[in-house]
Amino acid sequence: MTNKRIVFMGTPEFAAHCLSTLIDQKFNVVGVVTVADKPAGRGQQMQESAVKKVALANNLHVLQPIKLRDEDFLNALRAWNADLFVVIAFRMLPEVVWNMPPMGSINLHGSLLPQFRGAAPINHAIIAGEKETGVTTFFIEQEIDMGKILMQERTPIGVKENAGEIHDRLMQIGANLVCTTLNGVFEGTLKSKSQDEFDLNNLKHAPKIFKSDCEINWQNSAQVVHDFIRGLSPYPAAWTTFLMPEAKTTKIFKTQKSGRQISAQMPPVLIEKDQLFIACADEYLEVIELQLEGKKRVTADEFLRGLRHSFSVLQ
């Protein structure tokens, strides 16, 4: 395998799996940059990032800068004398960082660029009802997610698949694509392509998702609501408000279209034995898994068995 020196930058599991793959494939990773340890959980104990855990398990040097322009950090980064940086699910890099290695900095993005540029490409692709997605490797440049594309790999989105399932598949595909990309870059056989050469009409974007963005609008069609819910499942999770009679925030994780049409005489919430249906603009959507505020995640039949009062949905 090549002896080109690589510095890896990343934080979550999506990045950590790629780091593990690079190590397994004998790439010369000389150091890792990740976020500082943070308190988490009920005990607020300090937690290491998934990337740091992989790095330490493989005896790699780790830097955890608070500020990416800090001179001590920059000097330590330069001392690693990297030929190339690999950046996955990390922070926005200043030019003084991404422009440091002579062969550039490569990013892996969880969409088929130029579509779904932004922080949450997997979620937004499913919410938009896309039939396929993929991963893209590209050179980091000044504008976020707009650098020259190196390689892409596509994968279908199943009609019932959620964001967690697509995340896990793209994590595997992406790690392999990064390895293939690095081999092509190091061997000089891979040519980059400007995103201006792609169709830039009707671009869809993937901004960061906040809790307020996850509220379900039951006035949409059942298909739109279904795609919205699976696009946010299992995290950050779509939510609605059940009136029981007090208001209870309720996360909805899994639904399916029922094909049951709505008439003026039918209620917005329909319960039949162990099935729960909520009215959308055109038909009822069956709720399969949900989590009432302060309770654990359950199936609809478990929820209904424990139901003590009738309820409605805040539309």
C-alpha atoms as a PDB file:
ATOM      1  CA  MET A   1       0.000   0.000   0.000  1.00  0.00           C
ATOM      2  CA  THR A   2       1.083   3.585  -0.593  1.00  0.00           C
ATOM      3  CA  ASN A   3       3.284   5.309   1.956  1.00  0.00           C
ATOM      4  CA  LYS A   4       1.612   8.677   1.364  1.00  0.00           C
ATOM      5  CA  ARG A   5       0.946  10.321   4.705  1.00  0.00           C
ATOM      6  CA  ILE A   6      -2.722  10.864   5.587  1.00  0.00           C
ATOM      7  CA  VAL A   7      -4.288  12.885   8.399  1.00  0.00           C
ATOM      8  CA  PHE A   8      -7.879  11.917   9.154  1.00  0.00           C
ATOM      9  CA  MET A   9     -10.464  14.373  10.523  1.00  0.00           C
ATOM     10  CA  GLY A  10     -13.908  13.369  11.767  1.00  0.00           C
ATOM     11  CA  THR A  11     -16.189  12.786  14.729  1.00  0.00           C
ATOM     12  CA  PRO A  12     -19.171  10.349  14.602  1.00  0.00           C
ATOM     13  CA  GLU A  13     -19.594   6.671  13.797  1.00  0.00           C
ATOM     14  CA  PHE A  14     -19.984   7.437  10.070  1.00  0.00           C
ATOM     15  CA  ALA A  15     -16.421   8.801  10.080  1.00  0.00           C
ATOM     16  CA  ALA A  16     -15.043   6.244  12.531  1.00  0.00           C
ATOM     17  CA  HIS A  17     -15.990   3.337  10.261  1.00  0.00           C
ATOM     18  CA  CYS A  18     -14.067   4.953   7.410  1.00  0.00           C
ATOM     19  CA  LEU A  19     -11.020   5.446   9.641  1.00  0.00           C
ATOM     20  CA  SER A  20     -11.153   1.770  10.627  1.00  0.00           C
ATOM     21  CA  THR A  21     -11.357   0.788   6.961  1.00  0.00           C
ATOM     22  CA  LEU A  22      -8.368   2.949   6.030  1.00  0.00           C
ATOM     23  CA  ILE A  23      -6.351   1.332   8.812  1.00  0.00           C
ATOM     24  CA  ASP A  24      -7.444  -2.173   7.784  1.00  0.00           C
ATOM     25  CA  GLN A  25      -6.479  -1.408   4.180  1.00  0.00           C
ATOM     26  CA  LYS A  26      -2.992  -0.375   5.369  1.00  0.00           C
ATOM     27  CA  PHE A  27      -3.213   3.291   4.419  1.00  0.00           C
ATOM     28  CA  ASN A  28      -0.582   5.360   6.199  1.00  0.00           C
ATOM     29  CA  VAL A  29      -2.701   7.349   8.663  1.00  0.00           C
ATOM     30  CA  VAL A  30      -0.215   9.404  10.678  1.00  0.00           C
ATOM     31  CA  GLY A  31      -2.640  11.325  12.875  1.00  0.00           C
ATOM     32  CA  VAL A  32      -6.264  12.068  13.685  1.00  0.00           C
ATOM     33  CA  VAL A  33      -8.112  15.311  14.418  1.00  0.00           C
ATOM     34  CA  THR A  34     -11.444  15.165  16.226  1.00  0.00           C
ATOM     35  CA  VAL A  35     -13.602  17.178  18.628  1.00  0.00           C
ATOM     36  CA  ALA A  36     -12.768  17.689  22.268  1.00  0.00           C
ATOM     37  CA  ASP A  37     -14.234  15.226  24.776  1.00  0.00           C
ATOM     38  CA  LYS A  38     -17.683  16.315  25.980  1.00  0.00           C
ATOM     39  CA  PRO A  39     -19.861  15.495  29.010  1.00  0.00           C
ATOM     40  CA  ALA A  40     -22.812  13.296  28.091  1.00  0.00           C
ATOM     41  CA  GLY A  41     -25.494  11.139  29.664  1.00  0.00           C
ATOM     42  CA  ARG A  42     -27.137  11.416  33.056  1.00  0.00           C
ATOM     43  CA  GLY A  43     -23.825  11.333  34.870  1.00  0.00           C
ATOM     44  CA  GLN A  44     -22.356  13.951  32.537  1.00  0.00           C
ATOM     45  CA  GLN A  45     -19.161  11.956  32.289  1.00  0.00           C
ATOM     46  CA  MET A  46     -16.642  12.935  29.635  1.00  0.00           C
ATOM     47  CA  GLN A  47     -17.189  11.025  26.401  1.00  0.00           C
ATOM     48  CA  GLU A  48     -14.730  10.511  23.558  1.00  0.00           C
ATOM     49  CA  SER A  49     -15.853  10.752  19.945  1.00  0.00           C
ATOM     50  CA  ALA A  50     -16.233   7.547  17.937  1.00  0.00           C
ATOM     51  CA  VAL A  51     -13.249   8.619  15.828  1.00  0.00           C
ATOM     52  CA  LYS A  52     -11.041   9.150  18.869  1.00  0.00           C
ATOM     53  CA  LYS A  53     -11.865   5.679  20.182  1.00  0.00           C
ATOM     54  CA  VAL A  54     -10.757   4.099  16.898  1.00  0.00           C
ATOM     55  CA  ALA A  55      -7.621   6.241  16.825  1.00  0.00           C
ATOM     56  CA  LEU A  56      -6.552   5.317  20.349  1.00  0.00           C
ATOM     57  CA  ALA A  57      -7.302   1.632  19.751  1.00  0.00           C
ATOM     58  CA  ASN A  58      -4.823   1.788  16.869  1.00  0.00           C
ATOM     59  CA  ASN A  59      -2.180   3.855  18.700  1.00  0.00           C
ATOM     60  CA  LEU A  60      -2.627   6.904  16.486  1.00  0.00           C
ATOM     61  CA  HIS A  61      -1.733  10.424  17.561  1.00  0.00           C
ATOM     62  CA  VAL A  62      -4.806  12.572  18.242  1.00  0.00           C
ATOM     63  CA  LEU A  63      -5.362  16.334  18.206  1.00  0.00           C
ATOM     64  CA  GLN A  64      -8.544  17.831  19.697  1.00  0.00           C
ATOM     65  CA  PRO A  65      -8.446  21.555  18.991  1.00  0.00           C
ATOM     66  CA  ILE A  66     -11.027  23.960  20.356  1.00  0.00           C
ATOM     67  CA  LYS A  67     -10.175  26.533  17.690  1.00  0.00           C
ATOM     68  CA  LEU A  68      -8.977  25.435  14.272  1.00  0.00           C
ATOM     69  CA  ARG A  69      -6.932  28.613  13.776  1.00  0.00           C
ATOM     70  CA  ASP A  70      -4.998  28.154  17.016  1.00  0.00           C
ATOM     71  CA  GLU A  71      -1.278  28.394  16.267  1.00  0.00           C
ATOM     72  CA  ASP A  72      -0.335  25.500  18.536  1.00  0.00           C
ATOM     73  CA  PHE A  73      -2.804  23.273  16.700  1.00  0.00           C
ATOM     74  CA  LEU A  74      -1.651  24.439  13.268  1.00  0.00           C
ATOM     75  CA  ASN A  75       1.999  23.855  14.171  1.00  0.00           C
ATOM     76  CA  ALA A  76       1.224  20.352  15.464  1.00  0.00           C
ATOM     77  CA  LEU A  77      -0.751  19.617  12.297  1.00  0.00           C
ATOM     78  CA  ARG A  78       2.093  20.800  10.070  1.00  0.00           C
ATOM     79  CA  ALA A  79       4.538  18.645  12.020  1.00  0.00           C
ATOM     80  CA  TRP A  80       2.694  15.534  10.829  1.00  0.00           C
ATOM     81  CA  ASN A  81       3.831  16.466   7.321  1.00  0.00           C
ATOM     82  CA  ALA A  82       0.729  14.979   5.670  1.00  0.00           C
ATOM     83  CA  ASP A  83       0.422  14.576   1.923  1.00  0.00           C
ATOM     84  CA  LEU A  84      -3.374  14.664   2.094  1.00  0.00           C
ATOM     85  CA  PHE A  85      -6.237  15.158   4.579  1.00  0.00           C
ATOM     86  CA  VAL A  86      -9.366  12.989   4.656  1.00  0.00           C
ATOM     87  CA  VAL A  87     -12.284  14.835   6.254  1.00  0.00           C
ATOM     88  CA  ILE A  88     -15.607  13.173   7.130  1.00  0.00           C
ATOM     89  CA  ALA A  89     -18.422  14.600   9.266  1.00  0.00           C
ATOM     90  CA  PHE A  90     -16.213  17.181  10.913  1.00  0.00           C
ATOM     91  CA  ARG A  91     -16.350  20.931  11.327  1.00  0.00           C
ATOM     92  CA  MET A  92     -16.071  23.566   8.629  1.00  0.00           C
ATOM     93  CA  LEU A  93     -12.338  23.958   8.002  1.00  0.00           C
ATOM     94  CA  PRO A  94     -10.642  27.316   7.503  1.00  0.00           C
ATOM     95  CA  GLU A  95      -8.516  27.612   4.376  1.00  0.00           C
ATOM     96  CA  VAL A  96      -5.321  27.598   6.454  1.00  0.00           C
ATOM     97  CA  VAL A  97      -6.204  23.982   7.346  1.00  0.00           C
ATOM     98  CA  TRP A  98      -7.745  22.472   4.188  1.00  0.00           C
ATOM     99  CA  ASN A  99      -5.144  24.078   1.956  1.00  0.00           C
ATOM    100  CA  MET A 100      -2.213  22.805   4.042  1.00  0.00           C
ATOM    101  CA  PRO A 101      -1.417  19.384   2.483  1.00  0.00           C
ATOM    102  CA  PRO A 102       0.191  19.435  -0.995  1.00  0.00           C
ATOM    103  CA  MET A 103      -2.276  16.892  -2.422  1.00  0.00           C
ATOM    104  CA  GLY A 104      -5.317  18.653  -0.979  1.00  0.00           C
ATOM    105  CA  SER A 105      -8.109  17.686   1.403  1.00  0.00           C
ATOM    106  CA  ILE A 106     -10.760  15.135   0.435  1.00  0.00           C
ATOM    107  CA  ASN A 107     -14.272  15.054   1.894  1.00  0.00           C
ATOM    108  CA  LEU A 108     -16.899  12.297   1.811  1.00  0.00           C
ATOM    109  CA  HIS A 109     -20.478  13.574   1.539  1.00  0.00           C
ATOM    110  CA  GLY A 110     -23.624  11.497   2.039  1.00  0.00           C
ATOM    111  CA  SER A 111     -25.393  12.506  -1.171  1.00  0.00           C
ATOM    112  CA  LEU A 112     -24.948  12.637  -4.918  1.00  0.00           C
ATOM    113  CA  LEU A 113     -23.504  16.131  -5.173  1.00  0.00           C
ATOM    114  CA  PRO A 114     -24.382  18.732  -6.252  1.00  0.00           C
ATOM    115  CA  GLN A 115     -27.746  17.621  -4.858  1.00  0.00           C
ATOM    116  CA  PHE A 116     -28.344  17.900  -1.109  1.00  0.00           C
ATOM    117  CA  ARG A 117     -25.412  20.054  -0.125  1.00  0.00           C
ATOM    118  CA  GLY A 118     -25.499  20.676   3.610  1.00  0.00           C
ATOM    119  CA  ALA A 119     -25.368  19.097   7.056  1.00  0.00           C
ATOM    120  CA  ALA A 120     -28.198  16.528   6.784  1.00  0.00           C
ATOM    121  CA  PRO A 121     -28.159  15.010   3.271  1.00  0.00           C
ATOM    122  CA  ILE A 122     -29.453  11.557   4.216  1.00  0.00           C
ATOM    123  CA  ASN A 123     -32.486  12.908   6.070  1.00  0.00           C
ATOM    124  CA  HIS A 124     -33.415  15.428   3.394  1.00  0.00           C
ATOM    125  CA  ALA A 125     -33.101  12.965   0.510  1.00  0.00           C
ATOM    126  CA  ILE A 126     -35.637  10.628   2.121  1.00  0.00           C
ATOM    127  CA  ILE A 127     -37.938  13.474   3.170  1.00  0.00           C
ATOM    128  CA  ALA A 128     -37.914  14.661  -0.445  1.00  0.00           C
ATOM    129  CA  GLY A 129     -39.103  11.227  -1.585  1.00  0.00           C
ATOM    130  CA  GLU A 130     -35.950  10.463  -3.582  1.00  0.00           C
ATOM    131  CA  LYS A 131     -35.705   6.975  -5.054  1.00  0.00           C
ATOM    132  CA  GLU A 132     -31.913   6.851  -4.847  1.00  0.00           C
ATOM    133  CA  THR A 133     -29.020   8.491  -3.069  1.00  0.00           C
ATOM    134  CA  GLY A 134     -25.327   7.822  -2.704  1.00  0.00           C
ATOM    135  CA  VAL A 135     -21.976   9.157  -1.596  1.00  0.00           C
ATOM    136  CA  THR A 136     -19.518  11.563  -3.177  1.00  0.00           C
ATOM    137  CA  THR A 137     -15.821  12.169  -2.661  1.00  0.00           C
ATOM    138  CA  PHE A 138     -14.558  15.619  -3.576  1.00  0.00           C
ATOM    139  CA  PHE A 139     -11.785  18.100  -2.924  1.00  0.00           C
ATOM    140  CA  ILE A 140     -12.563  20.659  -0.236  1.00  0.00           C
ATOM    141  CA  GLU A 141     -12.595  24.233  -1.495  1.00  0.00           C
ATOM    142  CA  GLN A 142     -13.750  27.584  -0.112  1.00  0.00           C
ATOM    143  CA  GLU A 143     -17.495  27.058  -0.611  1.00  0.00           C
ATOM    144  CA  ILE A 144     -19.048  24.258   1.456  1.00  0.00           C
ATOM    145  CA  ASP A 145     -19.761  21.030  -0.487  1.00  0.00           C
ATOM    146  CA  MET A 146     -18.935  22.718  -3.800  1.00  0.00           C
ATOM    147  CA  GLY A 147     -15.442  21.383  -4.522  1.00  0.00           C
ATOM    148  CA  LYS A 148     -14.396  19.314  -7.542  1.00  0.00           C
ATOM    149  CA  ILE A 149     -15.940  15.847  -7.529  1.00  0.00           C
ATOM    150  CA  LEU A 150     -13.700  12.785  -7.594  1.00  0.00           C
ATOM    151  CA  MET A 151     -16.002   9.753  -7.392  1.00  0.00           C
ATOM    152  CA  GLN A 152     -19.627   8.836  -6.685  1.00  0.00           C
ATOM    153  CA  GLU A 153     -21.516   5.657  -5.917  1.00  0.00           C
ATOM    154  CA  ARG A 154     -25.292   5.286  -6.041  1.00  0.00           C
ATOM    155  CA  THR A 155     -27.698   3.165  -4.034  1.00  0.00           C
ATOM    156  CA  PRO A 156     -31.524   2.894  -4.136  1.00  0.00           C
ATOM    157  CA  ILE A 157     -33.741   4.112  -1.316  1.00  0.00           C
ATOM    158  CA  GLY A 158     -36.350   1.493  -0.510  1.00  0.00           C
ATOM    159  CA  VAL A 159     -39.923   2.697  -0.063  1.00  0.00           C
ATOM    160  CA  LYS A 160     -39.871   1.644   3.609  1.00  0.00           C
ATOM    161  CA  GLU A 161     -36.245   2.435   4.454  1.00  0.00           C
ATOM    162  CA  ASN A 162     -35.534   5.100   7.044  1.00  0.00           C
ATOM    163  CA  ALA A 163     -32.623   7.460   7.623  1.00  0.00           C
ATOM    164  CA  GLY A 164     -30.888   5.102  10.043  1.00  0.00           C
ATOM    165  CA  GLU A 165     -30.889   2.232   7.555  1.00  0.00           C
ATOM    166  CA  ILE A 166     -29.625   4.404   4.702  1.00  0.00           C
ATOM    167  CA  HIS A 167     -26.978   5.895   7.019  1.00  0.00           C
ATOM    168  CA  ASP A 168     -25.612   2.456   7.831  1.00  0.00           C
ATOM    169  CA  ARG A 169     -25.484   1.414   4.174  1.00  0.00           C
ATOM    170  CA  LEU A 170     -23.831   4.639   3.054  1.00  0.00           C
ATOM    171  CA  MET A 171     -21.330   4.267   5.884  1.00  0.00           C
ATOM    172  CA  GLN A 172     -20.152   0.993   4.335  1.00  0.00           C
ATOM    173  CA  ILE A 173     -20.272   2.242   0.742  1.00  0.00           C
ATOM    174  CA  GLY A 174     -18.565   5.498   1.677  1.00  0.00           C
ATOM    175  CA  ALA A 175     -15.638   3.882   3.457  1.00  0.00           C
ATOM    176  CA  ASN A 176     -14.893   1.728   0.418  1.00  0.00           C
ATOM    177  CA  LEU A 177     -15.284   4.688  -1.927  1.00  0.00           C
ATOM    178  CA  VAL A 178     -12.767   6.721   0.085  1.00  0.00           C
ATOM    179  CA  CYS A 179     -10.218   3.910  -0.261  1.00  0.00           C
ATOM    180  CA  THR A 180     -10.801   3.677  -4.021  1.00  0.00           C
ATOM    181  CA  THR A 181     -10.584   7.455  -4.320  1.00  0.00           C
ATOM    182  CA  LEU A 182      -7.301   7.641  -2.422  1.00  0.00           C
ATOM    183  CA  ASN A 183      -5.759   4.938  -4.580  1.00  0.00           C
ATOM    184  CA  GLY A 184      -6.779   6.833  -7.706  1.00  0.00           C
ATOM    185  CA  VAL A 185      -5.474  10.153  -6.392  1.00  0.00           C
ATOM    186  CA  PHE A 186      -2.161   8.693  -5.243  1.00  0.00           C
ATOM    187  CA  GLU A 187      -1.674   6.783  -8.499  1.00  0.00           C
ATOM    188  CA  GLY A 188      -2.593   9.841 -10.567  1.00  0.00           C
ATOM    189  CA  THR A 189      -5.315   7.968 -12.474  1.00  0.00           C
ATOM    190  CA  LEU A 190      -8.308   9.865 -11.079  1.00  0.00           C
ATOM    191  CA  LYS A 191      -9.446  13.148 -12.581  1.00  0.00           C
ATOM    192  CA  SER A 192     -11.681  15.563 -10.703  1.00  0.00           C
ATOM    193  CA  LYS A 193     -14.758  17.190 -12.242  1.00  0.00           C
ATOM    194  CA  SER A 194     -16.134  20.639 -11.466  1.00  0.00           C
ATOM    195  CA  GLN A 195     -19.671  20.680 -10.087  1.00  0.00           C
ATOM    196  CA  ASP A 196     -20.446  23.310 -12.719  1.00  0.00           C
ATOM    197  CA  GLU A 197     -20.396  20.445 -15.236  1.00  0.00           C
ATOM    198  CA  PHE A 198     -23.398  18.847 -13.500  1.00  0.00           C
ATOM    199  CA  ASP A 199     -27.038  19.862 -13.846  1.00  0.00           C
ATOM    200  CA  LEU A 200     -27.420  22.717 -11.379  1.00  0.00           C
ATOM    201  CA  ASN A 201     -31.115  23.273 -12.072  1.00  0.00           C
ATOM    202  CA  ASN A 202     -33.641  22.393  -9.359  1.00  0.00           C
ATOM    203  CA  LEU A 203     -30.995  21.835  -6.711  1.00  0.00           C
ATOM    204  CA  LYS A 204     -32.236  20.455  -3.396  1.00  0.00           C
ATOM    205  CA  HIS A 205     -30.492  21.428  -0.187  1.00  0.00           C
ATOM    206  CA  ALA A 206     -29.846  19.683   3.131  1.00  0.00           C
ATOM    207  CA  PRO A 207     -29.560  22.245   5.934  1.00  0.00           C
ATOM    208  CA  LYS A 208     -29.082  21.305   9.568  1.00  0.00           C
ATOM    209  CA  ILE A 209     -32.274  19.990  11.167  1.00  0.00           C
ATOM    210  CA  PHE A 210     -33.624  21.448  14.416  1.00  0.00           C
ATOM    211  CA  LYS A 211     -36.400  20.132  16.661  1.00  0.00           C
ATOM    212  CA  SER A 212     -38.869  22.695  15.345  1.00  0.00           C
ATOM    213  CA  ASP A 213     -38.268  21.344  11.829  1.00  0.00           C
ATOM    214  CA  CYS A 214     -39.405  17.868  12.900  1.00  0.00           C
ATOM    215  CA  GLU A 215     -43.034  18.625  13.733  1.00  0.00           C
ATOM    216  CA  ILE A 216     -45.430  16.608  11.566  1.00  0.00           C
ATOM    217  CA  ASN A 217     -47.922  18.489   9.407  1.00  0.00           C
ATOM    218  CA  TRP A 218     -50.894  16.161   9.096  1.00  0.00           C
ATOM    219  CA  GLN A 219     -52.416  18.475   6.467  1.00  0.00           C
ATOM    220  CA  ASN A 220     -49.948  17.049   3.930  1.00  0.00           C
ATOM    221  CA  SER A 221     -50.631  13.919   1.898  1.00  0.00           C
ATOM    222  CA  ALA A 222     -50.037  10.533   3.499  1.00  0.00           C
ATOM    223  CA  GLN A 223     -47.052   9.936   1.210  1.00  0.00           C
ATOM    224  CA  VAL A 224     -45.419  13.236   2.174  1.00  0.00           C
ATOM    225  CA  VAL A 225     -45.967  12.588   5.889  1.00  0.00           C
ATOM    226  CA  HIS A 226     -44.703   9.004   5.565  1.00  0.00           C
ATOM    227  CA  ASP A 227     -41.508  10.175   3.824  1.00  0.00           C
ATOM    228  CA  PHE A 228     -41.067  12.916   6.436  1.00  0.00           C
ATOM    229  CA  ILE A 229     -41.301  10.423   9.311  1.00  0.00           C
ATOM    230  CA  ARG A 230     -38.934   7.849   7.843  1.00  0.00           C
ATOM    231  CA  GLY A 231     -36.534  10.590   6.808  1.00  0.00           C
ATOM    232  CA  LEU A 232     -36.171  11.579  10.473  1.00  0.00           C
ATOM    233  CA  SER A 233     -36.183   8.066  11.958  1.00  0.00           C
ATOM    234  CA  PRO A 234     -34.667   7.080  14.299  1.00  0.00           C
ATOM    235  CA  TYR A 235     -32.974  10.422  14.857  1.00  0.00           C
ATOM    236  CA  PRO A 236     -33.818  13.236  15.409  1.00  0.00           C
ATOM    237  CA  ALA A 237     -37.356  11.774  15.044  1.00  0.00           C
ATOM    238  CA  ALA A 238     -40.531  13.369  13.732  1.00  0.00           C
ATOM    239  CA  TRP A 239     -42.986  14.428  16.413  1.00  0.00           C
ATOM    240  CA  THR A 240     -46.547  15.500  16.950  1.00  0.00           C
ATOM    241  CA  THR A 241     -48.734  16.411  19.918  1.00  0.00           C
ATOM    242  CA  PHE A 242     -51.302  14.026  21.360  1.00  0.00           C
ATOM    243  CA  LEU A 243     -54.061  15.628  23.480  1.00  0.00           C
ATOM    244  CA  MET A 244     -54.773  13.023  26.199  1.00  0.00           C
ATOM    245  CA  PRO A 245     -56.407  15.383  27.401  1.00  0.00           C
ATOM    246  CA  GLU A 246     -53.163  17.126  28.440  1.00  0.00           C
ATOM    247  CA  ALA A 247     -50.691  17.786  25.634  1.00  0.00           C
ATOM    248  CA  LYS A 248     -48.056  15.080  25.207  1.00  0.00           C
ATOM    249  CA  THR A 249     -45.216  15.362  22.700  1.00  0.00           C
ATOM    250  CA  THR A 250     -45.067  12.071  20.800  1.00  0.00           C
ATOM    251  CA  LYS A 251     -42.311  10.858  18.492  1.00  0.00           C
ATOM    252  CA  ILE A 252     -43.411   8.816  15.486  1.00  0.00           C
ATOM    253  CA  PHE A 253     -40.780   6.407  14.150  1.00  0.00           C
ATOM    254  CA  LYS A 254     -42.559   4.162  11.677  1.00  0.00           C
ATOM    255  CA  THR A 255     -45.684   4.396   9.549  1.00  0.00           C
ATOM    256  CA  GLN A 256     -47.215   2.860   6.468  1.00  0.00           C
ATOM    257  CA  LYS A 257     -49.800   4.022   3.989  1.00  0.00           C
ATOM    258  CA  SER A 258     -53.145   2.357   4.619  1.00  0.00           C
ATOM    259  CA  GLY A 259     -55.052   3.202   1.447  1.00  0.00           C
ATOM    260  CA  ARG A 260     -58.048   4.026   3.644  1.00  0.00           C
ATOM    261  CA  GLN A 261     -59.843   7.060   2.295  1.00  0.00           C
ATOM    262  CA  ILE A 262     -61.306   9.739   4.556  1.00  0.00           C
ATOM    263  CA  SER A 263     -64.868  10.992   4.568  1.00  0.00           C
ATOM    264  CA  ALA A 264     -66.334  13.986   6.377  1.00  0.00           C
ATOM    265  CA  GLN A 265     -67.911  11.750   9.001  1.00  0.00           C
ATOM    266  CA  MET A 266     -64.706   9.941   9.953  1.00  0.00           C
ATOM    267  CA  PRO A 267     -62.555  11.042  12.934  1.00  0.00           C
ATOM    268  CA  PRO A 268     -58.971  12.353  12.589  1.00  0.00           C
ATOM    269  CA  VAL A 269     -57.787   9.482  14.825  1.00  0.00           C
ATOM    270  CA  LEU A 270     -59.062   6.006  14.075  1.00  0.00           C
ATOM    271  CA  ILE A 271     -58.448   3.018  16.367  1.00  0.00           C
ATOM    272  CA  GLU A 272     -59.327  -0.490  15.234  1.00  0.00           C
ATOM    273  CA  LYS A 273     -58.340  -3.287  17.600  1.00  0.00           C
ATOM    274  CA  ASP A 274     -54.534  -3.119  17.658  1.00  0.00           C
ATOM    275  CA  GLN A 275     -54.142  -0.589  14.824  1.00  0.00           C
ATOM    276  CA  LEU A 276     -53.764   3.196  15.017  1.00  0.00           C
ATOM    277  CA  PHE A 277     -54.562   5.456  12.055  1.00  0.00           C
ATOM    278  CA  ILE A 278     -54.168   9.231  11.775  1.00  0.00           C
ATOM    279  CA  ALA A 279     -55.817  11.247   9.022  1.00  0.00           C
ATOM    280  CA  CYS A 280     -53.696  13.079   6.477  1.00  0.00           C
ATOM    281  CA  ALA A 281     -54.954  15.243   3.607  1.00  0.00           C
ATOM    282  CA  ASP A 282     -55.907  12.315   1.374  1.00  0.00           C
ATOM    283  CA  GLU A 283     -56.000   9.111   3.437  1.00  0.00           C
ATOM    284  CA  TYR A 284     -55.244   7.588   6.797  1.00  0.00           C
ATOM    285  CA  LEU A 285     -51.640   6.824   7.681  1.00  0.00           C
ATOM    286  CA  GLU A 286     -51.106   3.827   9.938  1.00  0.00           C
ATOM    287  CA  VAL A 287     -48.742   4.436  12.864  1.00  0.00           C
ATOM    288  CA  ILE A 288     -46.522   1.406  13.548  1.00  0.00           C
ATOM    289  CA  GLU A 289     -44.015   2.620  16.190  1.00  0.00           C
ATOM    290  CA  LEU A 290     -44.132   5.633  18.469  1.00  0.00           C
ATOM    291  CA  GLN A 291     -42.873   7.050  21.751  1.00  0.00           C
ATOM    292  CA  LEU A 292     -45.031   9.071  24.101  1.00  0.00           C
ATOM    293  CA  GLU A 293     -43.296  11.807  26.095  1.00  0.00           C
ATOM    294  CA  GLY A 294     -41.634  10.256  29.167  1.00  0.00           C
ATOM    295  CA  LYS A 295     -42.238   6.694  27.944  1.00  0.00           C
ATOM    296  CA  LYS A 296     -40.260   4.108  25.989  1.00  0.00           C
ATOM    297  CA  ARG A 297     -40.560   3.433  22.277  1.00  0.00           C
ATOM    298  CA  VAL A 298     -43.352   0.912  21.591  1.00  0.00           C
ATOM    299  CA  THR A 299     -45.405  -0.590  18.790  1.00  0.00           C
ATOM    300  CA  ALA A 300     -48.863   0.812  18.150  1.00  0.00           C
ATOM    301  CA  ASP A 301     -50.599  -2.235  19.622  1.00  0.00           C
ATOM    302  CA  GLU A 302     -48.524  -1.916  22.830  1.00  0.00           C
ATOM    303  CA  PHE A 303     -49.422   1.770  23.011  1.00  0.00           C
ATOM    304  CA  LEU A 304     -53.132   1.025  22.547  1.00  0.00           C
ATOM    305  CA  ARG A 305     -53.128  -1.716  25.170  1.00  0.00           C
ATOM    306  CA  GLY A 306     -51.824   0.789  27.711  1.00  0.00           C
ATOM    307  CA  LEU A 307     -54.208   3.558  26.656  1.00  0.00           C
ATOM    308  CA  ARG A 308     -56.403   4.804  29.504  1.00  0.00           C
ATOM    309  CA  HIS A 309     -58.088   7.753  27.801  1.00  0.00           C
ATOM    310  CA  SER A 310     -59.265   8.682  24.340  1.00  0.00           C
ATOM    311  CA  PHE A 311     -57.014  11.192  22.572  1.00  0.00           C
ATOM    312  CA  SER A 312     -56.756  13.459  19.587  1.00  0.00           C
ATOM    313  CA  VAL A 313     -53.915  14.867  17.537  1.00  0.00           C
ATOM    314  CA  LEU A 314     -53.063  18.561  17.467  1.00  0.00           C
ATOM    315  CA  GLN A 315     -53.323  19.346  13.762  1.00  0.00           C
END
